[in-house]
C-alpha atoms as a PDB file:
ATOM      1  CA  MET A   1     -31.906 -13.464  -8.197  1.00  0.00           C
ATOM      2  CA  GLN A   2     -33.856 -10.345  -7.216  1.00  0.00           C
ATOM      3  CA  ASN A   3     -35.582 -12.267  -4.438  1.00  0.00           C
ATOM      4  CA  MET A   4     -32.189 -13.237  -2.990  1.00  0.00           C
ATOM      5  CA  LEU A   5     -31.011  -9.604  -3.110  1.00  0.00           C
ATOM      6  CA  ASP A   6     -34.209  -8.474  -1.382  1.00  0.00           C
ATOM      7  CA  THR A   7     -33.654 -11.083   1.327  1.00  0.00           C
ATOM      8  CA  LEU A   8     -30.032  -9.949   1.807  1.00  0.00           C
ATOM      9  CA  ARG A   9     -31.120  -6.306   2.022  1.00  0.00           C
ATOM     10  CA  GLU A  10     -33.682  -7.225   4.653  1.00  0.00           C
ATOM     11  CA  LEU A  11     -31.128  -9.193   6.671  1.00  0.00           C
ATOM     12  CA  TYR A  12     -28.441  -6.502   6.570  1.00  0.00           C
ATOM     13  CA  ASP A  13     -30.643  -3.397   6.770  1.00  0.00           C
ATOM     14  CA  GLY A  14     -34.047  -4.527   8.061  1.00  0.00           C
ATOM     15  CA  HIS A  15     -35.702  -4.016  11.406  1.00  0.00           C
ATOM     16  CA  SER A  16     -37.371  -7.409  11.818  1.00  0.00           C
ATOM     17  CA  GLN A  17     -36.548  -9.917  14.531  1.00  0.00           C
ATOM     18  CA  ARG A  18     -34.886 -12.071  11.871  1.00  0.00           C
ATOM     19  CA  SER A  19     -32.673  -9.160  10.766  1.00  0.00           C
ATOM     20  CA  HIS A  20     -31.597  -8.436  14.321  1.00  0.00           C
ATOM     21  CA  ARG A  21     -30.747 -12.106  14.930  1.00  0.00           C
ATOM     22  CA  PHE A  22     -28.744 -12.185  11.682  1.00  0.00           C
ATOM     23  CA  ARG A  23     -26.740  -9.101  12.617  1.00  0.00           C
ATOM     24  CA  ASP A  24     -26.221 -10.435  16.144  1.00  0.00           C
ATOM     25  CA  SER A  25     -24.873 -13.632  14.564  1.00  0.00           C
ATOM     26  CA  LEU A  26     -22.497 -11.584  12.397  1.00  0.00           C
ATOM     27  CA  PHE A  27     -21.274  -9.796  15.509  1.00  0.00           C
ATOM     28  CA  ILE A  28     -20.659 -13.101  17.295  1.00  0.00           C
ATOM     29  CA  PHE A  29     -18.850 -14.393  14.195  1.00  0.00           C
ATOM     30  CA  ASP A  30     -16.638 -11.280  14.208  1.00  0.00           C
ATOM     31  CA  LEU A  31     -15.765 -11.753  17.873  1.00  0.00           C
ATOM     32  CA  THR A  32     -15.055 -15.444  17.256  1.00  0.00           C
ATOM     33  CA  ALA A  33     -12.803 -14.617  14.307  1.00  0.00           C
ATOM     34  CA  ILE A  34     -10.867 -12.052  16.340  1.00  0.00           C
ATOM     35  CA  ALA A  35     -10.438 -14.495  19.230  1.00  0.00           C
ATOM     36  CA  TYR A  36      -9.335 -17.218  16.807  1.00  0.00           C
ATOM     37  CA  VAL A  37      -6.714 -14.959  15.215  1.00  0.00           C
ATOM     38  CA  ILE A  38      -5.319 -14.053  18.629  1.00  0.00           C
ATOM     39  CA  VAL A  39      -5.265 -17.624  19.944  1.00  0.00           C
ATOM     40  CA  SER A  40      -3.971 -19.211  16.737  1.00  0.00           C
ATOM     41  CA  SER A  41      -1.057 -16.777  16.601  1.00  0.00           C
ATOM     42  CA  PHE A  42       0.384 -18.606  19.623  1.00  0.00           C
ATOM     43  CA  LEU A  43      -0.101 -22.085  18.143  1.00  0.00           C
ATOM     44  CA  THR A  44       2.158 -24.062  15.847  1.00  0.00           C
ATOM     45  CA  PRO A  45       0.783 -24.014  12.291  1.00  0.00           C
ATOM     46  CA  ASN A  46      -0.790 -27.317  11.247  1.00  0.00           C
ATOM     47  CA  ASP A  47      -3.343 -28.720   8.795  1.00  0.00           C
ATOM     48  CA  VAL A  48      -6.310 -28.155  11.127  1.00  0.00           C
ATOM     49  CA  LEU A  49      -5.482 -24.472  11.591  1.00  0.00           C
ATOM     50  CA  SER A  50      -4.978 -24.159   7.855  1.00  0.00           C
ATOM     51  CA  TRP A  51      -8.480 -25.486   7.194  1.00  0.00           C
ATOM     52  CA  ILE A  52      -9.988 -23.248   9.865  1.00  0.00           C
ATOM     53  CA  ASN A  53      -8.243 -20.272   8.237  1.00  0.00           C
ATOM     54  CA  ARG A  54      -9.779 -21.218   4.893  1.00  0.00           C
ATOM     55  CA  ILE A  55     -13.245 -21.556   6.401  1.00  0.00           C
ATOM     56  CA  PHE A  56     -12.999 -18.137   8.043  1.00  0.00           C
ATOM     57  CA  GLY A  57     -11.700 -16.704   4.757  1.00  0.00           C
ATOM     58  CA  VAL A  58     -14.635 -18.096   2.771  1.00  0.00           C
ATOM     59  CA  LEU A  59     -17.146 -16.782   5.318  1.00  0.00           C
ATOM     60  CA  VAL A  60     -15.594 -13.308   5.342  1.00  0.00           C
ATOM     61  CA  LEU A  61     -15.540 -13.312   1.529  1.00  0.00           C
ATOM     62  CA  ALA A  62     -19.212 -14.348   1.429  1.00  0.00           C
ATOM     63  CA  ASP A  63     -20.101 -11.481   3.788  1.00  0.00           C
ATOM     64  CA  LEU A  64     -18.192  -8.979   1.655  1.00  0.00           C
ATOM     65  CA  ALA A  65     -19.775 -10.337  -1.544  1.00  0.00           C
ATOM     66  CA  ALA A  66     -23.258  -9.995  -0.024  1.00  0.00           C
ATOM     67  CA  ARG A  67     -22.544  -6.419   1.054  1.00  0.00           C
ATOM     68  CA  ILE A  68     -21.266  -5.559  -2.419  1.00  0.00           C
ATOM     69  CA  ALA A  69     -24.282  -7.204  -4.078  1.00  0.00           C
ATOM     70  CA  ILE A  70     -26.784  -5.099  -2.108  1.00  0.00           C
ATOM     71  CA  SER A  71     -24.759  -1.904  -2.051  1.00  0.00           C
ATOM     72  CA  ARG A  72     -25.880   1.230  -3.877  1.00  0.00           C
ATOM     73  CA  SER A  73     -22.188   2.022  -4.363  1.00  0.00           C
ATOM     74  CA  PRO A  74     -20.304  -1.264  -4.871  1.00  0.00           C
ATOM     75  CA  ALA A  75     -16.973   0.424  -5.618  1.00  0.00           C
ATOM     76  CA  ARG A  76     -17.066   2.234  -2.289  1.00  0.00           C
ATOM     77  CA  GLU A  77     -17.920  -1.021  -0.530  1.00  0.00           C
ATOM     78  CA  VAL A  78     -14.787  -2.637  -1.977  1.00  0.00           C
ATOM     79  CA  VAL A  79     -12.527   0.295  -1.116  1.00  0.00           C
ATOM     80  CA  ARG A  80     -13.922   0.721   2.416  1.00  0.00           C
ATOM     81  CA  PRO A  81     -15.320  -2.689   3.460  1.00  0.00           C
ATOM     82  CA  LEU A  82     -15.254  -1.854   7.166  1.00  0.00           C
ATOM     83  CA  THR A  83     -17.374   1.260   6.922  1.00  0.00           C
ATOM     84  CA  PRO A  84     -20.905   0.602   8.180  1.00  0.00           C
ATOM     85  CA  ARG A  85     -23.614   0.870   5.563  1.00  0.00           C
ATOM     86  CA  SER A  86     -26.334   3.415   6.063  1.00  0.00           C
ATOM     87  CA  ALA A  87     -29.814   2.013   6.469  1.00  0.00           C
ATOM     88  CA  SER A  88     -31.892   1.867   3.272  1.00  0.00           C
END
């Protein structure tokens, strides 16, 4: 378990090439999610959109759970999930 937390800390707060690629991927995911929300608001709800919504929801929840797991102040992370973390 500790090894997984160390890996998450490195990905979210590290300075390696791998960390930068991970954070770039998160940024692209965020942009994709925003674009999806905008585009899907003009579409008729259907089963496909419902499943896509669930997938985005699970991914966002996983990101929040990872941030809480590595946070020095988990309660603050839950209350203010959009506030950038300071580097460790």
